Protein backbone atom coordinates (compact mmCIF):
# COMPACT_ATOMS: atom_id res chain seq x y z
CA MET A 1 134.21 -139.80 -189.08
CA GLY A 2 133.20 -136.71 -187.10
CA LEU A 3 130.38 -135.75 -184.84
CA TYR A 4 128.34 -132.72 -185.81
CA MET A 5 125.90 -131.20 -183.38
CA LEU A 6 123.25 -128.83 -184.66
CA THR A 7 120.38 -127.01 -183.10
CA PRO A 8 116.99 -127.88 -184.59
CA SER A 9 116.89 -124.53 -186.42
CA GLU A 10 120.36 -125.13 -187.88
CA LEU A 11 119.25 -128.58 -189.01
CA LEU A 12 116.30 -127.08 -190.86
CA ARG A 13 118.53 -124.47 -192.52
CA TRP A 14 121.00 -127.16 -193.65
CA ALA A 15 118.16 -129.36 -194.89
CA LYS A 16 116.81 -126.46 -196.93
CA GLU A 17 120.17 -125.55 -198.42
CA PHE A 18 121.81 -128.91 -199.05
CA LEU A 19 118.90 -131.31 -199.37
CA GLU A 20 116.77 -128.73 -201.18
CA LEU A 21 113.81 -129.41 -198.91
CA ASN A 22 110.92 -127.03 -198.57
CA VAL A 23 111.42 -125.51 -195.13
CA ASP A 24 109.10 -122.90 -193.68
CA GLU A 25 111.11 -119.88 -192.47
CA GLY A 26 108.53 -119.34 -189.73
CA SER A 27 109.40 -122.76 -188.32
CA VAL A 28 113.08 -121.88 -188.32
CA ARG A 29 112.39 -118.60 -186.48
CA ASP A 30 110.13 -120.39 -183.97
CA LEU A 31 112.85 -122.94 -183.23
CA GLU A 32 115.47 -120.20 -182.83
CA GLN A 33 113.26 -118.32 -180.37
CA LEU A 34 112.52 -121.52 -178.46
CA GLY A 35 116.25 -122.31 -178.28
CA GLU A 36 117.07 -118.82 -177.02
CA ALA A 37 114.37 -118.99 -174.35
CA SER A 38 115.56 -122.44 -173.27
CA ALA A 39 119.19 -121.29 -173.07
CA ASP A 40 118.18 -118.28 -170.97
CA LYS A 41 116.19 -120.51 -168.59
CA GLU A 42 119.05 -123.01 -168.26
CA SER A 43 121.61 -120.32 -167.53
CA GLU A 44 119.39 -118.91 -164.77
CA ASP A 45 118.64 -122.27 -163.15
CA GLU A 46 121.81 -124.27 -163.64
CA VAL A 47 125.04 -122.50 -162.84
CA TRP A 48 127.90 -124.98 -162.69
CA THR A 49 131.07 -124.08 -160.87
CA ALA A 50 134.43 -125.81 -160.74
CA GLU A 51 133.52 -127.11 -157.29
CA LEU A 52 130.48 -129.12 -158.41
CA PRO A 53 132.34 -131.91 -160.24
CA ALA A 54 134.83 -132.10 -157.36
CA THR A 55 131.98 -132.37 -154.86
CA PHE A 56 130.40 -135.13 -156.90
CA MET A 57 133.65 -137.06 -157.21
CA ASP A 58 134.40 -136.62 -153.49
CA GLU A 59 131.01 -138.05 -152.56
CA LEU A 60 131.42 -140.84 -155.07
CA MET A 61 134.85 -141.65 -153.64
CA ARG A 62 133.45 -141.72 -150.12
CA HIS A 63 130.70 -144.19 -151.02
CA TYR A 64 131.94 -146.00 -154.14
CA PRO A 65 135.72 -145.75 -154.53
CA SER A 66 135.86 -148.49 -157.16
CA ARG A 67 133.68 -146.36 -159.45
CA VAL A 68 136.03 -143.39 -159.10
CA LYS A 69 139.01 -145.60 -159.91
CA ALA A 70 137.21 -146.83 -163.03
CA ILE A 71 136.32 -143.27 -164.08
CA VAL A 72 139.91 -142.09 -163.61
CA ALA A 73 141.20 -145.07 -165.61
CA ALA A 74 138.70 -144.34 -168.39
CA VAL A 75 139.71 -140.67 -168.51
CA ALA A 76 143.36 -141.66 -168.79
CA ASN A 77 142.46 -144.05 -171.61
CA GLY A 78 140.43 -141.75 -173.85
CA GLY A 79 137.07 -142.52 -172.24
CA PHE A 80 137.28 -146.32 -172.25
CA VAL A 81 138.13 -148.78 -169.51
CA HIS A 82 138.35 -152.51 -170.14
CA TRP A 83 136.34 -154.78 -167.85
CA GLU A 84 139.50 -156.57 -166.74
CA THR A 85 140.88 -153.25 -165.52
CA VAL A 86 137.67 -152.61 -163.56
CA TYR A 87 138.00 -156.02 -161.91
CA GLU A 88 141.60 -155.29 -160.97
CA LEU A 89 140.92 -151.76 -159.67
CA ALA A 90 137.89 -152.86 -157.66
CA GLY A 91 139.50 -156.03 -156.33
CA TYR A 92 136.74 -158.22 -157.78
CA ASP A 93 137.24 -161.91 -158.41
CA GLU A 94 136.50 -163.35 -161.85
CA THR A 95 133.12 -164.78 -160.78
CA ARG A 96 131.64 -161.36 -160.04
CA ARG A 97 129.53 -159.69 -162.70
CA LEU A 98 129.65 -155.98 -163.50
CA ARG A 99 125.92 -155.72 -164.07
CA GLY A 100 124.72 -152.54 -162.37
CA PHE A 101 128.26 -151.27 -161.76
CA THR A 102 127.36 -147.75 -162.97
CA GLN A 103 124.01 -147.48 -161.16
CA PRO A 104 125.44 -145.86 -158.01
CA ILE A 105 126.73 -142.98 -160.14
CA GLY A 106 123.22 -142.11 -161.30
CA THR A 107 121.78 -142.66 -157.82
CA LEU A 108 124.33 -140.35 -156.20
CA SER A 109 123.76 -137.73 -158.87
CA ARG A 110 119.99 -137.77 -158.27
CA ASP A 111 120.51 -137.67 -154.49
CA LEU A 112 122.80 -134.65 -154.74
CA GLN A 113 120.33 -132.92 -157.06
CA ALA A 114 117.48 -133.60 -154.63
CA THR A 115 119.43 -132.00 -151.78
CA GLY A 116 120.41 -129.02 -153.92
CA VAL A 117 124.12 -129.79 -153.95
CA LEU A 118 124.08 -130.36 -157.73
CA THR A 119 121.94 -128.58 -160.27
């Protein structure tokens, strides 16, 4: 099973061709123009560099090292980390719950965006 990502205009074109739906060409053009304008705006406002992810991970390591260890383990395992591995990496005992374990990642991201460090 694969993942296919389409823009809204591409979705309408595919729907017209393969599902034989009645699709207004004006709607397709409008969506294409909207997508182009949005892409232009994003490229002006949000320029990511190689340093940004490193900055984020450095800050995360400084404040929440167990989260970085879990992220690294997940990357090494195809994007998945078992809860038992998280317990081991973080030094948690079996009575601790992992509820809210990922919240600091979102909080740090928002904080760095608010200070202009991340876009």
